[in-house]
């Protein structure tokens, strides 16, 4: 892909398609107007708060937030929709002067020095439940904010504010926005400061045809004890219009210079800094689809899930300390490709191929790192401990670490590549604008309005039939055909994850999902042995000092394969016995 044309057509189309069936979002009042409110003047009533609470917080019965007027000084700001762009500190001024900002900003904006302290209980009750509480000082004013993550959309968060007299928190002001089951913990365990944020912010309001966005240029640091972490990011927050506007602006900023999209909040980074832990690993969240949902809405929900999984996996993959990071990033890209393939069943969509191609390119940059992770942190230490008298394991460990480090450098180069940035931002904009609507043939548009469950049955049946076909004469399948079966089972697993939620919590759904997951896991274990052989084949002369160890590993895995094959046969039988949830009488 040339520098002059860094984005494939699918990504360029995200800029052009706006206001196409994107649900209206709640406008959030700019922070400047909040600052002008007299202290102690309440905004909406508590029943208005409950409309913006995420479903984890919006409970029934004892867990329900009380429908009473908020305590003095509290106000509801609803849901915020934002995306962060990580930038080099020495380039921040350049982005502030970018043409897209200079041309569309209302004015020169305002500058503030924001000092915030984030609080939690000693056992991190708030963080464990997807909540955060901070007190921010802006001049002589102190504002306490409670934020709640939304399980189905990390780009959207619930947010509630209250004026407080000092940097110390007022727990009682936060109680209306805390689930009832957590309130006793907050009253019993005194909140403690976890980390502080010291940020210089230049905020400007940018008006685009598709929406109004507050652009905050943030520079500063996070501090916890003796540890600190720099902050240099552009925060894009939707104030009105469609969420696609955020991605349109992000893509234009990416044209101006190097940016890295992120959904990691300062809160998440600060808690990891305080705990000394690597970035949290992001796993896909279970989809929730009503059986009556339209196919168009189902596509949007599925694609957003894939996109959020992808964005959420970037930091851990780049960091490299937790091998699950690269693994989840690879999984997110496979899920995305499976979701894009699903859409082919509706009709010809020109942009799907370019999006799928970019996802494949990025995935290929991750595979070697994942293979060496599995070997170095799983296969090698397990066999080395079991064979202490065998020489060469230490030498093999050194070689493996060198190869793994080199593979992670390749990962970091790919993630920093402008091609990756444009792919991610363009994908987000295409999803929010529902770009597939402008790509599909007019005669096929009617399918999008039909119930998704009408679409799900035939698709699941087709994928299921492919798995059964590839598993014929299972006991005599050679390694090559077992590999093809594994790929078909993995594809069915992703499609099932997307579409089985339409069938609710039937017993057959749970049984089928469990049997499919077991089959995929056992086929994966068998494939791991083939990966080890491929890694050894690529070592060449480097393996000479560890030839005894490599021979021991090969022998160990050959013996283990006998047990794996026996387990696989049993797993296959269980899978074939499981009733397909989409078939008639599945739960009779």
Protein backbone atom coordinates (compact mmCIF):
# COMPACT_ATOMS: atom_id res chain seq x y z
CA UNK A 1 0.00 0.00 0.00
CA UNK A 2 1.60 3.27 -1.08
CA UNK A 3 2.12 6.27 1.16
CA UNK A 4 0.02 8.35 -1.21
CA UNK A 5 -2.95 6.03 -0.82
CA UNK A 6 -2.66 4.52 2.67
CA UNK A 7 -6.31 3.52 3.04
CA UNK A 8 -8.15 0.90 1.00
CA UNK A 9 -11.54 1.95 -0.44
CA UNK A 10 -13.46 0.51 2.51
CA UNK A 11 -11.62 2.78 4.90
CA UNK A 12 -11.94 5.85 2.71
CA UNK A 13 -15.69 5.27 2.50
CA UNK A 14 -16.02 5.75 6.26
CA UNK A 15 -15.41 9.44 5.73
CA UNK A 16 -18.16 9.81 3.18
CA UNK A 17 -20.97 7.89 4.87
CA UNK A 18 -22.66 9.69 7.75
CA UNK A 19 -25.97 9.63 9.58
CA UNK A 20 -26.99 6.27 8.12
CA UNK A 21 -29.09 4.60 10.74
CA UNK A 22 -26.76 5.38 13.64
CA UNK A 23 -28.75 5.62 16.88
CA UNK A 24 -28.97 9.11 18.30
CA UNK A 25 -26.66 9.75 21.21
CA UNK A 26 -27.24 11.86 24.26
CA UNK A 27 -25.49 15.17 24.09
CA UNK A 28 -23.21 15.76 27.01
CA UNK A 29 -23.05 19.28 28.32
CA UNK A 30 -19.56 20.77 27.78
CA UNK A 31 -17.46 21.00 30.89
CA UNK A 32 -17.26 24.75 30.50
CA UNK A 33 -20.99 25.04 31.15
CA UNK A 34 -20.69 22.79 34.18
CA UNK A 35 -18.13 25.16 35.58
CA UNK A 36 -20.59 28.04 35.28
CA UNK A 37 -23.26 26.33 37.43
CA UNK A 38 -23.51 27.69 40.98
CA UNK A 39 -22.21 25.25 43.58
CA UNK A 40 -24.94 23.05 44.99
CA UNK A 41 -27.43 23.55 42.14
CA UNK A 42 -28.73 20.14 41.08
CA UNK A 43 -29.46 19.26 37.46
CA UNK A 44 -31.83 16.41 36.43
CA UNK A 45 -33.69 14.24 38.92
CA UNK A 46 -32.63 10.73 39.90
CA UNK A 47 -35.15 9.05 37.59
CA UNK A 48 -33.29 10.72 34.73
CA UNK A 49 -30.06 9.22 36.07
CA UNK A 50 -31.51 5.72 35.88
CA UNK A 51 -32.09 6.10 32.15
CA UNK A 52 -28.36 6.45 31.58
CA UNK A 53 -27.16 3.80 33.99
CA UNK A 54 -25.45 0.79 32.33
CA UNK A 55 -27.38 -2.45 32.70
CA UNK A 56 -24.88 -3.76 35.29
CA UNK A 57 -25.70 -0.78 37.52
CA UNK A 58 -29.36 -0.43 36.61
CA UNK A 59 -30.68 -3.26 38.77
CA UNK A 60 -34.08 -4.46 39.87
CA UNK A 61 -35.25 -4.83 43.47
CA UNK A 62 -32.65 -4.28 46.16
CA UNK A 63 -29.94 -3.37 43.67
CA UNK A 64 -31.89 -0.60 41.98
CA UNK A 65 -30.57 2.94 42.23
CA UNK A 66 -33.13 4.85 44.35
CA UNK A 67 -35.43 7.18 42.42
CA UNK A 68 -34.90 10.17 44.70
CA UNK A 69 -33.58 13.60 43.91
CA UNK A 70 -29.77 13.61 43.87
CA UNK A 71 -28.01 15.00 46.88
CA UNK A 72 -26.89 18.58 46.86
CA UNK A 73 -24.42 19.36 44.10
CA UNK A 74 -24.94 16.18 42.05
CA UNK A 75 -25.68 16.21 38.35
CA UNK A 76 -26.04 13.60 35.63
CA UNK A 77 -24.06 13.99 32.45
CA UNK A 78 -25.34 10.80 30.81
CA UNK A 79 -23.12 8.69 28.58
CA UNK A 80 -19.90 9.94 27.12
CA UNK A 81 -18.60 8.58 23.80
CA UNK A 82 -14.91 9.06 23.29
CA UNK A 83 -11.79 7.79 21.56
CA UNK A 84 -8.19 8.55 22.46
CA UNK A 85 -5.30 9.08 20.06
CA UNK A 86 -1.86 8.54 21.54
CA UNK A 87 0.74 10.92 20.09
CA UNK A 88 4.37 11.85 20.63
CA UNK A 89 4.65 14.70 23.12
CA UNK A 90 6.78 16.82 20.80
CA UNK A 91 4.10 16.64 18.07
CA UNK A 92 1.15 17.80 20.15
CA UNK A 93 1.34 21.43 18.99
CA UNK A 94 1.41 20.29 15.35
CA UNK A 95 -1.86 18.41 15.78
CA UNK A 96 -3.45 21.42 17.46
CA UNK A 97 -2.69 23.36 14.30
CA UNK A 98 -3.87 20.62 11.92
CA UNK A 99 -6.11 21.94 9.09
CA UNK A 100 -9.12 19.88 10.20
CA UNK A 101 -8.90 21.55 13.64
CA UNK A 102 -8.05 25.05 12.48
CA UNK A 103 -10.84 25.08 9.89
CA UNK A 104 -13.64 23.61 11.99
CA UNK A 105 -12.91 24.71 15.57
CA UNK A 106 -15.36 27.24 17.04
CA UNK A 107 -12.52 29.26 18.56
CA UNK A 108 -9.09 28.86 20.09
CA UNK A 109 -10.56 26.98 23.03
CA UNK A 110 -9.51 27.08 26.64
CA UNK A 111 -6.51 25.90 28.62
CA UNK A 112 -6.75 24.30 32.05
CA UNK A 113 -4.46 22.66 34.54
CA UNK A 114 -6.34 19.64 35.87
CA UNK A 115 -5.23 17.89 39.02
CA UNK A 116 -7.16 14.72 39.84
CA UNK A 117 -6.97 12.06 42.51
CA UNK A 118 -8.55 8.65 41.94
CA UNK A 119 -9.93 6.78 44.94
CA UNK A 120 -10.98 3.24 45.76
CA UNK A 121 -11.27 0.87 48.69
CA UNK A 122 -8.16 -1.09 49.76
CA UNK A 123 -9.48 -4.16 47.92
CA UNK A 124 -10.45 -2.10 44.83
CA UNK A 125 -14.21 -2.63 45.08
CA UNK A 126 -15.00 0.07 42.53
CA UNK A 127 -12.48 -1.06 39.94
CA UNK A 128 -13.55 -4.70 40.18
CA UNK A 129 -17.11 -3.64 39.41
CA UNK A 130 -16.33 -1.42 36.43
CA UNK A 131 -16.58 1.87 38.34
CA UNK A 132 -14.18 4.70 39.09
CA UNK A 133 -14.35 7.71 41.42
CA UNK A 134 -12.14 10.73 41.12
CA UNK A 135 -12.02 14.27 42.46
CA UNK A 136 -10.65 16.85 40.04
CA UNK A 137 -9.39 20.31 40.89
CA UNK A 138 -9.88 22.96 38.23
CA UNK A 139 -8.77 26.30 39.64
CA UNK A 140 -10.66 26.76 42.92
CA UNK A 141 -13.39 24.29 41.98
CA UNK A 142 -13.49 20.61 42.96
CA UNK A 143 -15.67 18.14 41.05
CA UNK A 144 -16.24 14.54 42.04
CA UNK A 145 -16.99 12.18 39.13
CA UNK A 146 -18.27 8.62 39.12
CA UNK A 147 -17.79 6.72 35.86
CA UNK A 148 -19.19 3.33 34.90
CA UNK A 149 -18.01 1.11 32.06
CA UNK A 150 -20.71 -0.25 29.78
CA UNK A 151 -20.29 -3.99 29.28
CA UNK A 152 -21.50 -3.86 25.68
CA UNK A 153 -19.59 -0.77 24.55
CA UNK A 154 -16.29 0.50 26.03
CA UNK A 155 -16.47 3.63 23.87
CA UNK A 156 -19.53 4.69 25.86
CA UNK A 157 -19.44 5.26 29.60
CA UNK A 158 -21.90 6.45 32.20
CA UNK A 159 -20.72 9.57 33.99
CA UNK A 160 -22.12 11.51 36.98
CA UNK A 161 -20.68 14.62 38.65
CA UNK A 162 -21.02 16.40 41.99
CA UNK A 163 -19.41 19.54 43.39
CA UNK A 164 -17.36 18.90 46.54
CA UNK A 165 -15.53 21.32 48.84
CA UNK A 166 -12.01 19.85 48.54
CA UNK A 167 -9.87 17.18 46.84
CA UNK A 168 -11.21 14.66 49.37
CA UNK A 169 -14.15 12.53 48.13
CA UNK A 170 -17.68 12.63 49.50
CA UNK A 171 -18.89 9.02 49.39
CA UNK A 172 -22.50 9.87 50.18
CA UNK A 173 -22.77 12.06 47.08
CA UNK A 174 -21.73 9.05 44.98
CA UNK A 175 -24.18 6.59 46.55
CA UNK A 176 -27.16 7.24 44.19
CA UNK A 177 -24.98 6.03 41.30
CA UNK A 178 -23.50 2.97 43.02
CA UNK A 179 -25.30 -0.43 42.91
CA UNK A 180 -26.91 -1.14 46.28
CA UNK A 181 -24.88 -4.30 46.83
CA UNK A 182 -21.65 -2.24 46.81
CA UNK A 183 -22.75 0.60 49.07
CA UNK A 184 -22.12 -1.20 52.33
CA UNK A 185 -18.53 -1.94 51.23
CA UNK A 186 -17.94 1.72 50.46
CA UNK A 187 -19.30 2.80 53.82
CA UNK A 188 -17.41 0.08 55.70
CA UNK A 189 -14.02 0.56 54.02
CA UNK A 190 -12.71 4.09 53.81
CA UNK A 191 -11.69 5.23 50.35
CA UNK A 192 -7.96 5.72 49.82
CA UNK A 193 -6.09 7.64 47.10
CA UNK A 194 -4.69 5.22 44.50
CA UNK A 195 -3.00 7.57 42.02
CA UNK A 196 -2.98 11.19 40.88
CA UNK A 197 -3.20 12.72 37.42
CA UNK A 198 -1.56 16.06 36.65
CA UNK A 199 -2.73 17.13 33.19
CA UNK A 200 -2.40 20.30 31.14
CA UNK A 201 -5.38 20.37 28.79
CA UNK A 202 -6.18 22.52 25.78
CA UNK A 203 -9.80 21.84 24.84
CA UNK A 204 -11.43 22.97 21.59
CA UNK A 205 -14.89 22.35 20.15
CA UNK A 206 -14.86 21.14 16.55
CA UNK A 207 -17.98 21.27 14.38
CA UNK A 208 -18.28 18.71 11.58
CA UNK A 209 -21.38 18.06 9.43
CA UNK A 210 -21.80 14.69 11.15
CA UNK A 211 -21.33 15.88 14.72
CA UNK A 212 -19.78 18.14 17.33
CA UNK A 213 -16.63 16.89 19.06
CA UNK A 214 -14.67 18.24 21.98
CA UNK A 215 -10.98 17.76 21.21
CA UNK A 216 -8.81 17.76 24.33
CA UNK A 217 -5.04 17.92 23.89
CA UNK A 218 -3.76 16.36 27.12
CA UNK A 219 -0.16 16.34 28.35
CA UNK A 220 1.10 15.49 31.81
CA UNK A 221 1.63 12.44 33.97
CA UNK A 222 0.07 9.84 36.22
CA UNK A 223 1.76 9.24 39.58
CA UNK A 224 1.43 6.59 42.26
CA UNK A 225 4.00 6.58 45.02
CA UNK A 226 7.43 6.67 43.37
CA UNK A 227 6.08 5.47 40.02
CA UNK A 228 5.03 7.76 37.18
CA UNK A 229 3.78 7.45 33.61
CA UNK A 230 3.69 10.17 30.93
CA UNK A 231 0.42 11.16 29.28
CA UNK A 232 0.34 12.57 25.75
CA UNK A 233 -2.95 12.05 23.99
CA UNK A 234 -5.75 13.66 22.03
CA UNK A 235 -9.13 12.83 23.50
CA UNK A 236 -12.09 13.02 21.13
CA UNK A 237 -15.46 13.20 22.88
CA UNK A 238 -18.78 13.34 21.08
CA UNK A 239 -20.99 16.23 22.18
CA UNK A 240 -23.72 15.89 19.58
CA UNK A 241 -24.47 14.08 16.34
CA UNK A 242 -23.28 10.64 15.26
CA UNK A 243 -20.44 8.57 16.69
CA UNK A 244 -19.05 8.27 13.16
CA UNK A 245 -17.94 11.93 13.50
CA UNK A 246 -15.28 10.87 16.02
CA UNK A 247 -13.73 8.47 13.53
CA UNK A 248 -13.96 10.96 10.69
CA UNK A 249 -11.96 13.47 12.73
CA UNK A 250 -9.52 10.79 13.94
CA UNK A 251 -8.85 9.70 10.37
CA UNK A 252 -8.13 13.29 9.32
CA UNK A 253 -5.73 13.69 12.24
CA UNK A 254 -4.02 10.45 11.23
CA UNK A 255 -3.41 12.04 7.82
CA UNK A 256 -1.59 14.86 9.61
CA UNK A 257 0.81 12.71 11.64
CA UNK A 258 1.42 9.55 13.62
CA UNK A 259 -1.39 8.67 16.05
CA UNK A 260 -2.35 5.48 17.85
CA UNK A 261 -6.05 4.82 18.61
CA UNK A 262 -6.79 3.67 22.15
CA UNK A 263 -9.74 3.09 24.47
CA UNK A 264 -7.65 2.78 27.65
CA UNK A 265 -8.77 5.37 30.14
CA UNK A 266 -6.42 7.28 32.40
CA UNK A 267 -8.14 5.42 35.23
CA UNK A 268 -7.15 2.01 33.82
CA UNK A 269 -3.56 3.10 33.26
CA UNK A 270 -3.32 4.65 36.71
CA UNK A 271 -4.56 1.53 38.50
CA UNK A 272 -2.11 -0.62 36.53
CA UNK A 273 0.69 1.81 37.42
CA UNK A 274 -0.22 1.61 41.10
CA UNK A 275 -0.39 -2.19 41.06
CA UNK A 276 2.73 -2.62 38.91
CA UNK A 277 0.84 -4.83 36.48
CA UNK A 278 0.89 -4.96 32.66
CA UNK A 279 -2.08 -3.67 30.65
CA UNK A 280 -5.18 -5.74 31.31
CA UNK A 281 -5.99 -8.47 28.82
CA UNK A 282 -9.25 -7.85 27.00
CA UNK A 283 -11.47 -10.82 26.22
CA UNK A 284 -14.60 -10.75 24.04
CA UNK A 285 -17.79 -10.04 25.91
CA UNK A 286 -20.81 -12.25 25.46
CA UNK A 287 -23.24 -10.78 22.97
CA UNK A 288 -26.82 -10.01 23.87
CA UNK A 289 -29.21 -10.17 20.94
CA UNK A 290 -32.97 -10.06 21.18
CA UNK A 291 -34.60 -12.73 18.94
CA UNK A 292 -36.63 -9.97 17.25
CA UNK A 293 -33.62 -7.80 16.39
CA UNK A 294 -33.20 -6.88 12.74
CA UNK A 295 -30.30 -8.25 10.72
CA UNK A 296 -28.96 -4.72 10.27
CA UNK A 297 -28.87 -4.13 14.03
CA UNK A 298 -27.37 -7.57 14.63
CA UNK A 299 -24.56 -6.83 12.18
CA UNK A 300 -23.85 -3.53 13.96
CA UNK A 301 -23.77 -5.21 17.38
CA UNK A 302 -21.52 -8.06 16.19
CA UNK A 303 -19.08 -5.76 14.41
CA UNK A 304 -18.87 -3.37 17.37
CA UNK A 305 -18.08 -6.32 19.62
CA UNK A 306 -15.23 -7.37 17.32
CA UNK A 307 -13.95 -3.81 17.04
CA UNK A 308 -13.94 -3.19 20.78
CA UNK A 309 -12.19 -6.52 21.39
CA UNK A 310 -9.57 -5.46 18.85
CA UNK A 311 -9.00 -2.00 20.33
CA UNK A 312 -8.97 -3.36 23.87
CA UNK A 313 -6.26 -5.92 23.02
CA UNK A 314 -3.74 -3.48 21.53
CA UNK A 315 -2.02 -2.31 24.72
CA UNK A 316 -1.43 -5.77 26.22
CA UNK A 317 -0.17 -7.11 22.88
CA UNK A 318 2.31 -4.27 22.48
CA UNK A 319 3.46 -4.52 26.08
CA UNK A 320 4.25 -8.22 25.72
CA UNK A 321 4.55 -9.15 29.39
CA UNK A 322 1.34 -11.16 29.33
CA UNK A 323 1.29 -13.65 26.41
CA UNK A 324 -2.49 -13.55 26.45
CA UNK A 325 -2.29 -10.04 24.97
CA UNK A 326 -1.08 -11.10 21.52
CA UNK A 327 -3.35 -14.14 21.68
CA UNK A 328 -6.46 -12.03 22.25
CA UNK A 329 -5.46 -9.59 19.53
CA UNK A 330 -5.18 -12.51 17.08
CA UNK A 331 -8.55 -13.84 18.25
CA UNK A 332 -10.14 -10.41 17.78
CA UNK A 333 -8.90 -10.29 14.18
CA UNK A 334 -10.19 -13.80 13.47
CA UNK A 335 -13.57 -12.89 14.93
CA UNK A 336 -13.65 -9.75 12.79
CA UNK A 337 -12.89 -11.71 9.63
CA UNK A 338 -15.58 -14.25 10.52
CA UNK A 339 -18.07 -11.42 11.07
CA UNK A 340 -17.21 -9.84 7.72
CA UNK A 341 -17.64 -13.21 6.02
CA UNK A 342 -21.09 -13.50 7.60
CA UNK A 343 -22.14 -10.37 5.75
CA UNK A 344 -21.33 -11.94 2.38
CA UNK A 345 -24.47 -14.01 2.72
CA UNK A 346 -26.59 -10.87 2.29
CA UNK A 347 -25.06 -9.88 -1.03
CA UNK A 348 -21.98 -8.53 -2.73
CA UNK A 349 -20.20 -6.00 -0.52
CA UNK A 350 -17.17 -4.47 -2.23
CA UNK A 351 -15.54 -3.11 0.91
CA UNK A 352 -15.47 -6.42 2.78
CA UNK A 353 -12.45 -7.71 0.86
CA UNK A 354 -10.29 -4.68 1.68
CA UNK A 355 -11.23 -4.76 5.36
CA UNK A 356 -10.61 -8.49 5.54
CA UNK A 357 -7.26 -8.05 3.78
CA UNK A 358 -6.10 -5.46 6.31
CA UNK A 359 -7.16 -7.72 9.18
CA UNK A 360 -5.20 -10.60 7.65
CA UNK A 361 -2.11 -8.42 7.23
CA UNK A 362 -2.15 -7.41 10.87
CA UNK A 363 -2.81 -10.97 12.05
CA UNK A 364 0.18 -12.27 10.10
CA UNK A 365 2.40 -9.84 12.01
CA UNK A 366 1.36 -11.49 15.29
CA UNK A 367 1.58 -15.21 14.58
CA UNK A 368 5.31 -15.72 15.24
CA UNK A 369 5.14 -13.96 18.60
CA UNK A 370 2.20 -16.13 19.64
CA UNK A 371 4.00 -19.33 18.57
CA UNK A 372 7.11 -18.50 20.59
CA UNK A 373 4.98 -17.45 23.57
CA UNK A 374 3.33 -20.86 23.60
CA UNK A 375 6.65 -22.65 23.29
CA UNK A 376 8.68 -20.62 25.75
CA UNK A 377 6.05 -20.26 28.45
CA UNK A 378 4.23 -23.56 28.05
CA UNK A 379 5.90 -26.37 26.15
CA UNK A 380 9.54 -25.74 27.10
CA UNK A 381 9.26 -25.28 30.91
CA UNK A 382 6.77 -28.15 31.24
CA UNK A 383 9.05 -30.68 29.54
CA UNK A 384 12.25 -29.25 31.08
CA UNK A 385 10.85 -29.77 34.59
CA UNK A 386 9.82 -33.31 33.74
CA UNK A 387 13.26 -34.17 32.25
CA UNK A 388 15.84 -32.59 34.59
CA UNK A 389 18.65 -34.91 33.49
CA UNK A 390 18.42 -33.88 29.82
CA UNK A 391 21.00 -31.30 28.72
CA UNK A 392 20.39 -28.34 26.44
CA UNK A 393 17.22 -26.82 27.85
CA UNK A 394 19.03 -23.69 29.09
CA UNK A 395 20.56 -23.10 25.65
CA UNK A 396 17.18 -23.64 24.03
CA UNK A 397 15.62 -21.14 26.44
CA UNK A 398 18.12 -18.47 25.36
CA UNK A 399 17.41 -19.09 21.69
CA UNK A 400 13.65 -19.04 22.32
CA UNK A 401 13.87 -15.74 24.18
CA UNK A 402 15.86 -14.17 21.35
CA UNK A 403 13.31 -15.34 18.79
CA UNK A 404 10.40 -14.24 20.95
CA UNK A 405 11.90 -10.77 21.50
CA UNK A 406 12.47 -10.36 17.77
CA UNK A 407 8.89 -11.45 17.07
CA UNK A 408 7.53 -8.88 19.52
CA UNK A 409 9.55 -6.15 17.84
CA UNK A 410 7.75 -7.12 14.65
CA UNK A 411 4.44 -6.83 16.51
CA UNK A 412 5.30 -3.34 17.77
CA UNK A 413 6.40 -2.18 14.32
CA UNK A 414 3.10 -3.38 12.83
CA UNK A 415 1.00 -1.72 15.54
CA UNK A 416 2.89 1.57 15.07
CA UNK A 417 2.47 1.42 11.29
CA UNK A 418 0.23 4.07 9.78
CA UNK A 419 -1.47 1.30 7.85
CA UNK A 420 -2.64 -0.23 11.13
CA UNK A 421 -3.88 3.12 12.42
CA UNK A 422 -5.89 3.84 9.26
CA UNK A 423 -7.34 0.34 9.29
CA UNK A 424 -8.53 0.64 12.90
CA UNK A 425 -9.98 4.14 12.61
CA UNK A 426 -11.52 3.46 9.22
CA UNK A 427 -13.10 0.27 10.50
CA UNK A 428 -14.63 2.09 13.47
CA UNK A 429 -16.08 4.79 11.23
CA UNK A 430 -17.47 2.22 8.76
CA UNK A 431 -19.22 0.39 11.59
CA UNK A 432 -20.71 3.50 13.22
CA UNK A 433 -21.90 4.84 9.85
CA UNK A 434 -23.19 1.36 8.92
CA UNK A 435 -21.25 1.63 5.70
CA UNK A 436 -22.50 -1.72 4.46
CA UNK A 437 -25.85 -0.05 3.69
CA UNK A 438 -24.29 2.08 0.97
CA UNK A 439 -22.38 -0.91 -0.39
CA UNK A 440 -25.16 -3.45 -0.72
CA UNK A 441 -27.25 -3.82 -3.88
CA UNK A 442 -30.67 -2.09 -3.63
CA UNK A 443 -32.49 -5.38 -4.20
CA UNK A 444 -30.74 -6.88 -1.15
CA UNK A 445 -31.43 -4.02 1.26
CA UNK A 446 -34.72 -5.56 2.36
CA UNK A 447 -32.88 -8.43 4.06
CA UNK A 448 -31.37 -6.02 6.55
CA UNK A 449 -34.80 -5.17 7.93
CA UNK A 450 -35.79 -8.81 8.44
CA UNK A 451 -35.37 -10.58 11.81
CA UNK A 452 -31.80 -11.76 12.26
CA UNK A 453 -32.98 -15.14 13.53
CA UNK A 454 -34.30 -15.91 10.02
CA UNK A 455 -30.75 -15.43 8.78
CA UNK A 456 -29.06 -17.31 11.62
CA UNK A 457 -30.52 -20.79 11.13
CA UNK A 458 -29.35 -21.41 7.54
CA UNK A 459 -25.90 -19.91 8.24
CA UNK A 460 -25.36 -22.07 11.34
CA UNK A 461 -26.62 -25.17 9.54
CA UNK A 462 -24.20 -24.59 6.66
CA UNK A 463 -21.18 -24.11 8.95
CA UNK A 464 -22.18 -27.10 11.07
CA UNK A 465 -22.47 -29.28 7.97
CA UNK A 466 -18.95 -28.27 6.90
CA UNK A 467 -17.52 -29.37 10.22
CA UNK A 468 -19.32 -32.72 10.06
CA UNK A 469 -18.14 -33.25 6.49
CA UNK A 470 -14.50 -32.57 7.35
CA UNK A 471 -14.78 -34.90 10.33
CA UNK A 472 -15.95 -37.95 8.38
CA UNK A 473 -13.98 -41.11 9.19
CA UNK A 474 -12.52 -39.16 12.11
CA UNK A 475 -10.43 -42.05 13.49
CA UNK A 476 -8.36 -42.28 10.32
CA UNK A 477 -7.92 -38.56 9.57
CA UNK A 478 -4.28 -37.59 8.87
CA UNK A 479 -2.73 -34.51 10.47
CA UNK A 480 -3.41 -32.32 7.42
CA UNK A 481 -7.13 -33.07 7.47
CA UNK A 482 -7.30 -32.64 11.24
CA UNK A 483 -5.90 -29.15 10.66
CA UNK A 484 -8.66 -28.41 8.13
CA UNK A 485 -11.23 -29.72 10.61
CA UNK A 486 -9.78 -27.44 13.29
CA UNK A 487 -10.17 -24.40 11.03
CA UNK A 488 -13.77 -25.32 10.22
CA UNK A 489 -14.56 -25.85 13.93
CA UNK A 490 -12.98 -22.52 14.81
CA UNK A 491 -15.07 -20.76 12.18
CA UNK A 492 -18.24 -22.43 13.47
CA UNK A 493 -17.26 -21.37 17.00
CA UNK A 494 -17.09 -17.71 16.01
CA UNK A 495 -20.33 -17.85 14.02
CA UNK A 496 -22.03 -19.60 16.95
CA UNK A 497 -20.75 -16.94 19.36
CA UNK A 498 -22.31 -14.30 17.10
CA UNK A 499 -25.66 -15.93 16.36
CA UNK A 500 -26.55 -18.36 19.16
CA UNK A 501 -27.48 -15.47 21.51
CA UNK A 502 -30.55 -15.10 19.28
CA UNK A 503 -31.77 -18.42 20.68
CA UNK A 504 -31.66 -17.28 24.30
CA UNK A 505 -30.58 -19.42 27.24
CA UNK A 506 -31.88 -22.74 25.99
CA UNK A 507 -30.24 -25.85 27.39
CA UNK A 508 -29.35 -26.94 23.87
CA UNK A 509 -27.43 -23.66 23.36
CA UNK A 510 -25.29 -24.29 26.42
CA UNK A 511 -24.67 -27.96 25.57
CA UNK A 512 -23.78 -27.24 21.96
CA UNK A 513 -21.52 -24.33 22.87
CA UNK A 514 -19.70 -26.41 25.47
CA UNK A 515 -19.16 -29.37 23.12
CA UNK A 516 -17.93 -27.07 20.34
CA UNK A 517 -15.52 -25.29 22.69
CA UNK A 518 -14.13 -28.65 23.88
CA UNK A 519 -13.61 -29.79 20.29
CA UNK A 520 -11.82 -26.60 19.34
CA UNK A 521 -9.58 -26.79 22.43
CA UNK A 522 -8.56 -30.42 21.83
CA UNK A 523 -7.92 -29.82 18.15
CA UNK A 524 -5.83 -26.82 19.18
CA UNK A 525 -3.73 -28.94 21.54
CA UNK A 526 -3.02 -31.33 18.70
CA UNK A 527 -2.05 -28.40 16.47
CA UNK A 528 0.35 -27.02 19.10
CA UNK A 529 2.63 -29.99 18.48
CA UNK A 530 2.81 -29.18 14.77
CA UNK A 531 3.73 -25.58 15.66
CA UNK A 532 6.64 -26.80 17.81
CA UNK A 533 8.00 -28.83 14.89
CA UNK A 534 7.78 -25.78 12.62
CA UNK A 535 9.66 -23.64 15.15
CA UNK A 536 12.45 -26.21 15.41
CA UNK A 537 12.68 -26.42 11.61
CA UNK A 538 13.32 -22.67 11.50
CA UNK A 539 16.16 -22.70 14.05
CA UNK A 540 18.79 -24.22 11.76
CA UNK A 541 22.30 -24.19 13.29
CA UNK A 542 21.02 -22.43 16.42
CA UNK A 543 19.57 -25.73 17.59
CA UNK A 544 22.94 -27.55 17.54
CA UNK A 545 23.74 -26.78 21.21
CA UNK A 546 20.32 -27.94 22.30
CA UNK A 547 19.84 -30.95 20.04
CA UNK A 548 19.36 -33.28 22.99
CA UNK A 549 16.65 -31.04 24.42
CA UNK A 550 14.87 -30.67 21.08
CA UNK A 551 14.93 -34.44 20.64
CA UNK A 552 13.46 -34.86 24.13
CA UNK A 553 10.67 -32.39 23.33
CA UNK A 554 9.89 -34.16 20.06
CA UNK A 555 9.73 -37.52 21.82
CA UNK A 556 7.61 -36.15 24.65
CA UNK A 557 5.08 -34.63 22.24
CA UNK A 558 4.95 -37.76 20.09
CA UNK A 559 4.03 -39.78 23.17
CA UNK A 560 1.55 -37.14 24.33
CA UNK A 561 -0.15 -37.17 20.95
CA UNK A 562 -1.40 -40.70 21.65
CA UNK A 563 -3.34 -39.43 24.67
CA UNK A 564 -4.54 -36.37 22.76
CA UNK A 565 -5.85 -38.51 19.91
CA UNK A 566 -7.80 -40.69 22.32
CA UNK A 567 -9.32 -37.66 24.00
CA UNK A 568 -10.10 -36.12 20.61
CA UNK A 569 -12.12 -39.15 19.53
CA UNK A 570 -14.25 -38.87 22.65
CA UNK A 571 -14.66 -35.10 22.20
CA UNK A 572 -15.74 -35.63 18.60
CA UNK A 573 -18.39 -38.14 19.65
CA UNK A 574 -19.77 -35.70 22.22
CA UNK A 575 -19.86 -32.92 19.64
CA UNK A 576 -21.82 -35.05 17.16
CA UNK A 577 -24.31 -36.00 19.89
CA UNK A 578 -25.04 -32.38 20.85
CA UNK A 579 -28.35 -31.20 19.43
CA UNK A 580 -28.14 -28.18 17.14
CA UNK A 581 -30.01 -25.36 18.99
CA UNK A 582 -31.40 -23.94 15.75
CA UNK A 583 -33.02 -27.25 14.74
CA UNK A 584 -36.67 -27.99 15.45
CA UNK A 585 -37.40 -29.56 18.79
CA UNK A 586 -33.89 -28.85 20.08
CA UNK A 587 -35.20 -28.36 23.63
CA UNK A 588 -38.24 -30.65 23.49
